[in-house]
Amino acid sequence: MSKIVQLKAASRARAGKGASRAVRRTGLIPGVVYGDKQEPQLISLTYGDVLPHIETGRFLSTLIDLDVDGKTVRAIPRDVQFEPVRDFIVHIDFLRLGKEARVRVNVPVHFKGQDVSPGIKQGGALNIVSHTVALSCSANLIPDEIAVDVSSMQIGQSIHLSDITLPEGVKSAVSDDVTLCAVTAQAKEEEAPAEAAAAEVPATNQKAPAAAAAAPAKGAAPAKGAAPAKGAAPAAAAAPAKKK
């Protein structure tokens, strides 16, 4: 079951964006605790105390005992807001948990047995569909993870949440039977035949156009019967032979 994390917090009196910015300037994270039919409580937390728990990736499914000015409040994080550019934490919302409270949490799914799965050994691939599952459970019964054994899976088989035995007091928070994983055959790339590759460039039956006729050499007389070139002076008449 989930480990309960202890965090120290201090109450704060002022709400609003300006008050939250003032809290962040002191190196603290503004937050709020609400729920259990009580008034919301404004708090602040030390940045360095919270960051390691957020980096685990399971913060939103972790039970927290908040020590607020010496009084312990059992809660679970519901939202963590980040500054979009510099990616630091700017606000945290906590849900106060009363006795016998049930919560909806997203629990990570871990898969084991891939090394002995006959379907994977035959060339199949494990296709993970759901990395987390939404569960409903008592606040003190939150599982750390859901373990899925794929060691006997063949190609074409799949595992759904209904195939998994959940801990006592834990049930699915959604009506659909969630698919967790499947072993699928890997598609093989088919080599295109050489004829198909050649067909991509169809041959043409058209003959290449005849080369343009060569222009007559400079000064050469036009062919017999041919019209003189445009702008060319007519040839001078030959002089008569001298009589002896």
C-alpha atoms as a PDB file:
ATOM      1  CA  MET A   1       0.000   0.000   0.000  1.00  0.00           C
ATOM      2  CA  SER A   2       1.023   3.609  -0.505  1.00  0.00           C
ATOM      3  CA  LYS A   3       3.598   5.075   1.814  1.00  0.00           C
ATOM      4  CA  ILE A   4       2.397   8.081   3.792  1.00  0.00           C
ATOM      5  CA  VAL A   5       4.649  11.108   3.255  1.00  0.00           C
ATOM      6  CA  GLN A   6       5.187  13.654   6.008  1.00  0.00           C
ATOM      7  CA  LEU A   7       5.358  17.307   4.936  1.00  0.00           C
ATOM      8  CA  LYS A   8       5.594  20.442   7.039  1.00  0.00           C
ATOM      9  CA  ALA A   9       3.397  23.386   6.094  1.00  0.00           C
ATOM     10  CA  ALA A  10       2.543  26.781   7.510  1.00  0.00           C
ATOM     11  CA  SER A  11      -0.821  28.498   7.410  1.00  0.00           C
ATOM     12  CA  ARG A  12      -1.110  31.819   5.577  1.00  0.00           C
ATOM     13  CA  ALA A  13      -3.792  34.440   5.876  1.00  0.00           C
ATOM     14  CA  ARG A  14      -3.890  36.181   2.512  1.00  0.00           C
ATOM     15  CA  ALA A  15      -5.283  34.802  -0.743  1.00  0.00           C
ATOM     16  CA  GLY A  16      -4.964  36.077  -4.315  1.00  0.00           C
ATOM     17  CA  LYS A  17      -2.296  36.320  -6.992  1.00  0.00           C
ATOM     18  CA  GLY A  18      -0.347  39.066  -5.255  1.00  0.00           C
ATOM     19  CA  ALA A  19      -0.173  37.117  -1.998  1.00  0.00           C
ATOM     20  CA  SER A  20       0.885  33.952  -3.858  1.00  0.00           C
ATOM     21  CA  ARG A  21       3.684  35.831  -5.646  1.00  0.00           C
ATOM     22  CA  ALA A  22       4.890  37.154  -2.311  1.00  0.00           C
ATOM     23  CA  VAL A  23       5.024  33.607  -0.934  1.00  0.00           C
ATOM     24  CA  ARG A  24       7.006  32.368  -3.955  1.00  0.00           C
ATOM     25  CA  ARG A  25       9.521  35.209  -3.570  1.00  0.00           C
ATOM     26  CA  THR A  26      10.454  33.752  -0.176  1.00  0.00           C
ATOM     27  CA  GLY A  27      11.210  30.339  -1.731  1.00  0.00           C
ATOM     28  CA  LEU A  28       7.945  28.720  -0.626  1.00  0.00           C
ATOM     29  CA  ILE A  29       5.083  27.152  -2.576  1.00  0.00           C
ATOM     30  CA  PRO A  30       1.554  28.455  -1.948  1.00  0.00           C
ATOM     31  CA  GLY A  31      -1.157  25.829  -1.574  1.00  0.00           C
ATOM     32  CA  VAL A  32      -4.647  25.139  -0.327  1.00  0.00           C
ATOM     33  CA  VAL A  33      -6.308  22.261   1.554  1.00  0.00           C
ATOM     34  CA  TYR A  34     -10.037  21.760   0.917  1.00  0.00           C
ATOM     35  CA  GLY A  35     -12.723  19.128   1.333  1.00  0.00           C
ATOM     36  CA  ASP A  36     -14.252  17.001   4.135  1.00  0.00           C
ATOM     37  CA  LYS A  37     -17.005  19.636   4.541  1.00  0.00           C
ATOM     38  CA  GLN A  38     -14.562  22.133   6.053  1.00  0.00           C
ATOM     39  CA  GLU A  39     -13.425  25.600   5.033  1.00  0.00           C
ATOM     40  CA  PRO A  40     -10.439  25.758   2.674  1.00  0.00           C
ATOM     41  CA  GLN A  41      -7.144  26.357   4.465  1.00  0.00           C
ATOM     42  CA  LEU A  42      -4.354  28.378   2.862  1.00  0.00           C
ATOM     43  CA  ILE A  43      -0.865  26.973   3.398  1.00  0.00           C
ATOM     44  CA  SER A  44       2.707  27.330   2.207  1.00  0.00           C
ATOM     45  CA  LEU A  45       5.326  24.599   1.818  1.00  0.00           C
ATOM     46  CA  THR A  46       9.100  24.532   1.418  1.00  0.00           C
ATOM     47  CA  TYR A  47      10.068  24.035  -2.252  1.00  0.00           C
ATOM     48  CA  GLY A  48      12.950  21.656  -1.516  1.00  0.00           C
ATOM     49  CA  ASP A  49      10.761  19.422   0.670  1.00  0.00           C
ATOM     50  CA  VAL A  50       8.095  18.949  -2.005  1.00  0.00           C
ATOM     51  CA  LEU A  51      10.166  18.649  -5.207  1.00  0.00           C
ATOM     52  CA  PRO A  52      11.653  15.140  -4.589  1.00  0.00           C
ATOM     53  CA  HIS A  53       8.167  13.675  -4.098  1.00  0.00           C
ATOM     54  CA  ILE A  54       6.855  15.289  -7.280  1.00  0.00           C
ATOM     55  CA  GLU A  55       9.803  13.937  -9.260  1.00  0.00           C
ATOM     56  CA  THR A  56       8.791  10.348  -8.398  1.00  0.00           C
ATOM     57  CA  GLY A  57       5.823  10.673 -10.781  1.00  0.00           C
ATOM     58  CA  ARG A  58       3.431   9.291  -8.120  1.00  0.00           C
ATOM     59  CA  PHE A  59       2.771  12.459  -6.148  1.00  0.00           C
ATOM     60  CA  LEU A  60      -0.920  12.692  -7.098  1.00  0.00           C
ATOM     61  CA  SER A  61      -1.578   9.199  -5.716  1.00  0.00           C
ATOM     62  CA  THR A  62       0.443   9.628  -2.516  1.00  0.00           C
ATOM     63  CA  LEU A  63      -1.064  10.076   0.920  1.00  0.00           C
ATOM     64  CA  ILE A  64       0.277  13.158   2.681  1.00  0.00           C
ATOM     65  CA  ASP A  65       0.269  13.971   6.378  1.00  0.00           C
ATOM     66  CA  LEU A  66       0.521  17.745   6.426  1.00  0.00           C
ATOM     67  CA  ASP A  67       1.900  19.155   9.659  1.00  0.00           C
ATOM     68  CA  VAL A  68       0.226  22.582   9.598  1.00  0.00           C
ATOM     69  CA  ASP A  69       1.449  24.597  12.558  1.00  0.00           C
ATOM     70  CA  GLY A  70       1.626  21.472  14.710  1.00  0.00           C
ATOM     71  CA  LYS A  71      -1.710  19.972  13.625  1.00  0.00           C
ATOM     72  CA  THR A  72      -1.692  16.924  11.313  1.00  0.00           C
ATOM     73  CA  VAL A  73      -4.031  16.945   8.316  1.00  0.00           C
ATOM     74  CA  ARG A  74      -4.362  13.774   6.209  1.00  0.00           C
ATOM     75  CA  ALA A  75      -4.660  14.760   2.543  1.00  0.00           C
ATOM     76  CA  ILE A  76      -3.920  13.707  -1.013  1.00  0.00           C
ATOM     77  CA  PRO A  77      -2.578  16.056  -3.742  1.00  0.00           C
ATOM     78  CA  ARG A  78      -5.176  16.836  -6.411  1.00  0.00           C
ATOM     79  CA  ASP A  79      -3.341  19.342  -8.633  1.00  0.00           C
ATOM     80  CA  VAL A  80       0.176  20.694  -9.095  1.00  0.00           C
ATOM     81  CA  GLN A  81       0.534  23.854 -11.171  1.00  0.00           C
ATOM     82  CA  PHE A  82       3.772  24.750 -12.961  1.00  0.00           C
ATOM     83  CA  GLU A  83       5.044  27.994 -14.431  1.00  0.00           C
ATOM     84  CA  PRO A  84       4.822  27.328 -18.203  1.00  0.00           C
ATOM     85  CA  VAL A  85       8.157  28.873 -19.216  1.00  0.00           C
ATOM     86  CA  ARG A  86      10.574  28.113 -16.375  1.00  0.00           C
ATOM     87  CA  ASP A  87       8.737  24.934 -15.260  1.00  0.00           C
ATOM     88  CA  PHE A  88       8.844  25.497 -11.523  1.00  0.00           C
ATOM     89  CA  ILE A  89       6.016  24.714  -9.083  1.00  0.00           C
ATOM     90  CA  VAL A  90       3.685  27.652  -8.453  1.00  0.00           C
ATOM     91  CA  HIS A  91       0.754  26.102  -6.522  1.00  0.00           C
ATOM     92  CA  ILE A  92      -0.485  22.810  -5.033  1.00  0.00           C
ATOM     93  CA  ASP A  93      -4.063  21.777  -4.199  1.00  0.00           C
ATOM     94  CA  PHE A  94      -4.678  19.131  -1.504  1.00  0.00           C
ATOM     95  CA  LEU A  95      -7.895  17.224  -0.804  1.00  0.00           C
ATOM     96  CA  ARG A  96      -8.534  16.782   2.899  1.00  0.00           C
ATOM     97  CA  LEU A  97      -9.464  13.189   3.736  1.00  0.00           C
ATOM     98  CA  GLY A  98     -11.903  12.291   6.446  1.00  0.00           C
ATOM     99  CA  LYS A  99     -12.339   8.920   8.103  1.00  0.00           C
ATOM    100  CA  GLU A 100     -13.378   6.129   5.722  1.00  0.00           C
ATOM    101  CA  ALA A 101     -12.953   8.480   2.774  1.00  0.00           C
ATOM    102  CA  ARG A 102     -12.729   6.854  -0.656  1.00  0.00           C
ATOM    103  CA  VAL A 103     -10.631   8.478  -3.332  1.00  0.00           C
ATOM    104  CA  ARG A 104     -10.094   8.087  -7.062  1.00  0.00           C
ATOM    105  CA  VAL A 105      -6.427   7.743  -7.956  1.00  0.00           C
ATOM    106  CA  ASN A 106      -4.363   6.894 -11.027  1.00  0.00           C
ATOM    107  CA  VAL A 107      -2.077   3.987 -10.126  1.00  0.00           C
ATOM    108  CA  PRO A 108       0.920   3.021 -12.320  1.00  0.00           C
ATOM    109  CA  VAL A 109       0.880  -0.338 -14.125  1.00  0.00           C
ATOM    110  CA  HIS A 110       4.090  -2.396 -14.286  1.00  0.00           C
ATOM    111  CA  PHE A 111       4.606  -5.366 -16.598  1.00  0.00           C
ATOM    112  CA  LYS A 112       6.763  -8.417 -15.871  1.00  0.00           C
ATOM    113  CA  GLY A 113       7.655 -11.659 -17.639  1.00  0.00           C
ATOM    114  CA  GLN A 114       8.514 -10.218 -21.061  1.00  0.00           C
ATOM    115  CA  ASP A 115      11.723 -12.281 -21.184  1.00  0.00           C
ATOM    116  CA  VAL A 116       9.834 -15.609 -21.070  1.00  0.00           C
ATOM    117  CA  SER A 117       6.651 -14.729 -22.963  1.00  0.00           C
ATOM    118  CA  PRO A 118       6.294 -17.261 -25.835  1.00  0.00           C
ATOM    119  CA  GLY A 119       4.602 -14.691 -28.054  1.00  0.00           C
ATOM    120  CA  ILE A 120       7.467 -12.234 -27.656  1.00  0.00           C
ATOM    121  CA  LYS A 121      10.032 -15.012 -28.188  1.00  0.00           C
ATOM    122  CA  GLN A 122       8.326 -15.852 -31.495  1.00  0.00           C
ATOM    123  CA  GLY A 123       8.892 -12.291 -32.715  1.00  0.00           C
ATOM    124  CA  GLY A 124       5.832 -10.563 -31.289  1.00  0.00           C
ATOM    125  CA  ALA A 125       5.922  -7.192 -29.542  1.00  0.00           C
ATOM    126  CA  LEU A 126       4.383  -6.160 -26.235  1.00  0.00           C
ATOM    127  CA  ASN A 127       2.035  -3.271 -26.959  1.00  0.00           C
ATOM    128  CA  ILE A 128       1.377  -1.398 -23.696  1.00  0.00           C
ATOM    129  CA  VAL A 129      -2.016   0.287 -23.916  1.00  0.00           C
ATOM    130  CA  SER A 130      -2.408   1.673 -20.375  1.00  0.00           C
ATOM    131  CA  HIS A 131       0.497   2.886 -18.241  1.00  0.00           C
ATOM    132  CA  THR A 132      -1.870   3.859 -15.405  1.00  0.00           C
ATOM    133  CA  VAL A 133      -5.347   2.793 -14.282  1.00  0.00           C
ATOM    134  CA  ALA A 134      -8.013   4.811 -12.470  1.00  0.00           C
ATOM    135  CA  LEU A 135      -8.960   3.081  -9.230  1.00  0.00           C
ATOM    136  CA  SER A 136     -11.385   3.817  -6.425  1.00  0.00           C
ATOM    137  CA  CYS A 137     -10.330   2.812  -2.923  1.00  0.00           C
ATOM    138  CA  SER A 138     -10.143   3.810   0.688  1.00  0.00           C
ATOM    139  CA  ALA A 139      -7.550   6.480   1.385  1.00  0.00           C
ATOM    140  CA  ASN A 140      -5.475   4.061   3.438  1.00  0.00           C
ATOM    141  CA  LEU A 141      -5.589   1.291   0.798  1.00  0.00           C
ATOM    142  CA  ILE A 142      -4.056   3.002  -2.220  1.00  0.00           C
ATOM    143  CA  PRO A 143      -1.866   0.459  -4.089  1.00  0.00           C
ATOM    144  CA  ASP A 144       1.677   1.467  -5.027  1.00  0.00           C
ATOM    145  CA  GLU A 145       1.272  -0.237  -8.412  1.00  0.00           C
ATOM    146  CA  ILE A 146      -0.691  -2.810 -10.395  1.00  0.00           C
ATOM    147  CA  ALA A 147       1.525  -5.720 -11.515  1.00  0.00           C
ATOM    148  CA  VAL A 148       0.689  -7.477 -14.789  1.00  0.00           C
ATOM    149  CA  ASP A 149       2.275 -10.859 -15.599  1.00  0.00           C
ATOM    150  CA  VAL A 150       2.730 -11.350 -19.365  1.00  0.00           C
ATOM    151  CA  SER A 151       4.928 -14.473 -19.117  1.00  0.00           C
ATOM    152  CA  SER A 152       2.322 -16.782 -20.708  1.00  0.00           C
ATOM    153  CA  MET A 153       1.030 -14.478 -23.436  1.00  0.00           C
ATOM    154  CA  GLN A 154       0.892 -15.652 -27.057  1.00  0.00           C
ATOM    155  CA  ILE A 155       0.710 -13.482 -30.189  1.00  0.00           C
ATOM    156  CA  GLY A 156      -2.805 -12.083 -30.493  1.00  0.00           C
ATOM    157  CA  GLN A 157      -3.612 -12.234 -26.784  1.00  0.00           C
ATOM    158  CA  SER A 158      -4.448  -9.214 -24.617  1.00  0.00           C
ATOM    159  CA  ILE A 159      -4.933  -8.516 -20.909  1.00  0.00           C
ATOM    160  CA  HIS A 160      -7.722  -6.335 -19.504  1.00  0.00           C
ATOM    161  CA  LEU A 161      -8.178  -4.880 -16.038  1.00  0.00           C
ATOM    162  CA  SER A 162     -10.880  -7.477 -15.350  1.00  0.00           C
ATOM    163  CA  ASP A 163      -8.185 -10.172 -15.727  1.00  0.00           C
ATOM    164  CA  ILE A 164      -6.236  -8.719 -12.787  1.00  0.00           C
ATOM    165  CA  THR A 165      -7.023  -9.543  -9.150  1.00  0.00           C
ATOM    166  CA  LEU A 166      -7.108  -6.161  -7.409  1.00  0.00           C
ATOM    167  CA  PRO A 167      -6.355  -5.783  -3.682  1.00  0.00           C
ATOM    168  CA  GLU A 168      -9.279  -6.064  -1.303  1.00  0.00           C
ATOM    169  CA  GLY A 169     -11.298  -2.857  -1.152  1.00  0.00           C
ATOM    170  CA  VAL A 170      -9.920  -1.607  -4.488  1.00  0.00           C
ATOM    171  CA  LYS A 171     -12.002  -1.462  -7.664  1.00  0.00           C
ATOM    172  CA  SER A 172     -11.932   0.178 -11.068  1.00  0.00           C
ATOM    173  CA  ALA A 173     -13.101   3.795 -11.148  1.00  0.00           C
ATOM    174  CA  VAL A 174     -14.397   3.528 -14.734  1.00  0.00           C
ATOM    175  CA  SER A 175     -17.199   1.454 -16.250  1.00  0.00           C
ATOM    176  CA  ASP A 176     -15.219   0.216 -19.270  1.00  0.00           C
ATOM    177  CA  ASP A 177     -12.987  -2.845 -19.071  1.00  0.00           C
ATOM    178  CA  VAL A 178      -9.648  -1.158 -19.676  1.00  0.00           C
ATOM    179  CA  THR A 179      -7.162  -2.904 -21.997  1.00  0.00           C
ATOM    180  CA  LEU A 180      -3.756  -2.989 -20.337  1.00  0.00           C
ATOM    181  CA  CYS A 181      -1.568  -4.648 -22.976  1.00  0.00           C
ATOM    182  CA  ALA A 182      -1.478  -6.980 -25.983  1.00  0.00           C
ATOM    183  CA  VAL A 183       1.132  -9.066 -27.801  1.00  0.00           C
ATOM    184  CA  THR A 184       1.022  -8.248 -31.492  1.00  0.00           C
ATOM    185  CA  ALA A 185       2.855  -9.636 -34.530  1.00  0.00           C
ATOM    186  CA  GLN A 186       5.445  -7.319 -35.994  1.00  0.00           C
ATOM    187  CA  ALA A 187       4.771  -6.423 -39.619  1.00  0.00           C
ATOM    188  CA  LYS A 188       7.565  -7.402 -42.035  1.00  0.00           C
ATOM    189  CA  GLU A 189       8.620  -5.021 -44.757  1.00  0.00           C
ATOM    190  CA  GLU A 190       8.159  -6.558 -48.209  1.00  0.00           C
ATOM    191  CA  GLU A 191      10.853  -5.934 -50.812  1.00  0.00           C
ATOM    192  CA  ALA A 192       9.491  -4.430 -54.016  1.00  0.00           C
ATOM    193  CA  PRO A 193      10.463  -6.489 -57.132  1.00  0.00           C
ATOM    194  CA  ALA A 194      12.879  -4.913 -59.581  1.00  0.00           C
ATOM    195  CA  GLU A 195      10.186  -4.921 -62.296  1.00  0.00           C
ATOM    196  CA  ALA A 196       7.924  -2.790 -60.085  1.00  0.00           C
ATOM    197  CA  ALA A 197      10.732  -0.349 -59.467  1.00  0.00           C
ATOM    198  CA  ALA A 198      11.399  -0.071 -63.185  1.00  0.00           C
ATOM    199  CA  ALA A 199       7.714   0.470 -63.871  1.00  0.00           C
ATOM    200  CA  GLU A 200       7.844   3.647 -61.823  1.00  0.00           C
ATOM    201  CA  VAL A 201       9.604   5.323 -64.796  1.00  0.00           C
ATOM    202  CA  PRO A 202       7.508   4.384 -67.890  1.00  0.00           C
ATOM    203  CA  ALA A 203       9.272   4.270 -71.226  1.00  0.00           C
ATOM    204  CA  THR A 204       8.069   6.551 -74.034  1.00  0.00           C
ATOM    205  CA  ASN A 205       7.424   5.568 -77.642  1.00  0.00           C
ATOM    206  CA  GLN A 206       7.904   9.079 -78.861  1.00  0.00           C
ATOM    207  CA  LYS A 207      11.001   9.866 -80.905  1.00  0.00           C
ATOM    208  CA  ALA A 208      13.194  12.693 -79.861  1.00  0.00           C
ATOM    209  CA  PRO A 209      12.488  15.828 -81.933  1.00  0.00           C
ATOM    210  CA  ALA A 210      14.790  16.314 -84.883  1.00  0.00           C
ATOM    211  CA  ALA A 211      17.703  18.615 -84.285  1.00  0.00           C
ATOM    212  CA  ALA A 212      17.225  22.135 -85.539  1.00  0.00           C
ATOM    213  CA  ALA A 213      18.647  22.740 -88.995  1.00  0.00           C
ATOM    214  CA  ALA A 214      22.085  24.210 -88.904  1.00  0.00           C
ATOM    215  CA  ALA A 215      22.281  27.868 -89.939  1.00  0.00           C
ATOM    216  CA  PRO A 216      24.218  28.483 -93.143  1.00  0.00           C
ATOM    217  CA  ALA A 217      27.828  29.518 -92.784  1.00  0.00           C
ATOM    218  CA  LYS A 218      28.496  33.252 -92.781  1.00  0.00           C
ATOM    219  CA  GLY A 219      28.776  34.533 -96.290  1.00  0.00           C
ATOM    220  CA  ALA A 220      27.672  31.286 -97.922  1.00  0.00           C
ATOM    221  CA  ALA A 221      25.302  31.620-100.861  1.00  0.00           C
ATOM    222  CA  PRO A 222      21.815  30.407-100.227  1.00  0.00           C
ATOM    223  CA  ALA A 223      20.792  27.167-101.820  1.00  0.00           C
ATOM    224  CA  LYS A 224      19.495  27.265-105.341  1.00  0.00           C
ATOM    225  CA  GLY A 225      16.007  28.543-105.402  1.00  0.00           C
ATOM    226  CA  ALA A 226      16.157  29.622-101.839  1.00  0.00           C
ATOM    227  CA  ALA A 227      15.086  33.140-100.972  1.00  0.00           C
ATOM    228  CA  PRO A 228      17.877  35.433 -99.801  1.00  0.00           C
ATOM    229  CA  ALA A 229      18.121  36.053 -96.160  1.00  0.00           C
ATOM    230  CA  LYS A 230      16.144  38.992 -94.845  1.00  0.00           C
ATOM    231  CA  GLY A 231      18.108  42.204 -95.265  1.00  0.00           C
ATOM    232  CA  ALA A 232      20.874  40.584 -97.342  1.00  0.00           C
ATOM    233  CA  ALA A 233      22.096  42.538-100.412  1.00  0.00           C
ATOM    234  CA  PRO A 234      21.513  40.805-103.772  1.00  0.00           C
ATOM    235  CA  ALA A 235      24.612  39.287-105.415  1.00  0.00           C
ATOM    236  CA  ALA A 236      26.312  41.566-108.009  1.00  0.00           C
ATOM    237  CA  ALA A 237      25.988  40.521-111.669  1.00  0.00           C
ATOM    238  CA  ALA A 238      29.118  39.014-113.148  1.00  0.00           C
ATOM    239  CA  ALA A 239      31.046  41.359-115.613  1.00  0.00           C
ATOM    240  CA  PRO A 240      31.112  40.241-119.339  1.00  0.00           C
ATOM    241  CA  ALA A 241      34.336  38.662-120.590  1.00  0.00           C
ATOM    242  CA  LYS A 242      36.714  41.118-122.490  1.00  0.00           C
ATOM    243  CA  LYS A 243      36.853  40.555-126.303  1.00  0.00           C
ATOM    244  CA  LYS A 244      40.252  39.975-127.863  1.00  0.00           C
END
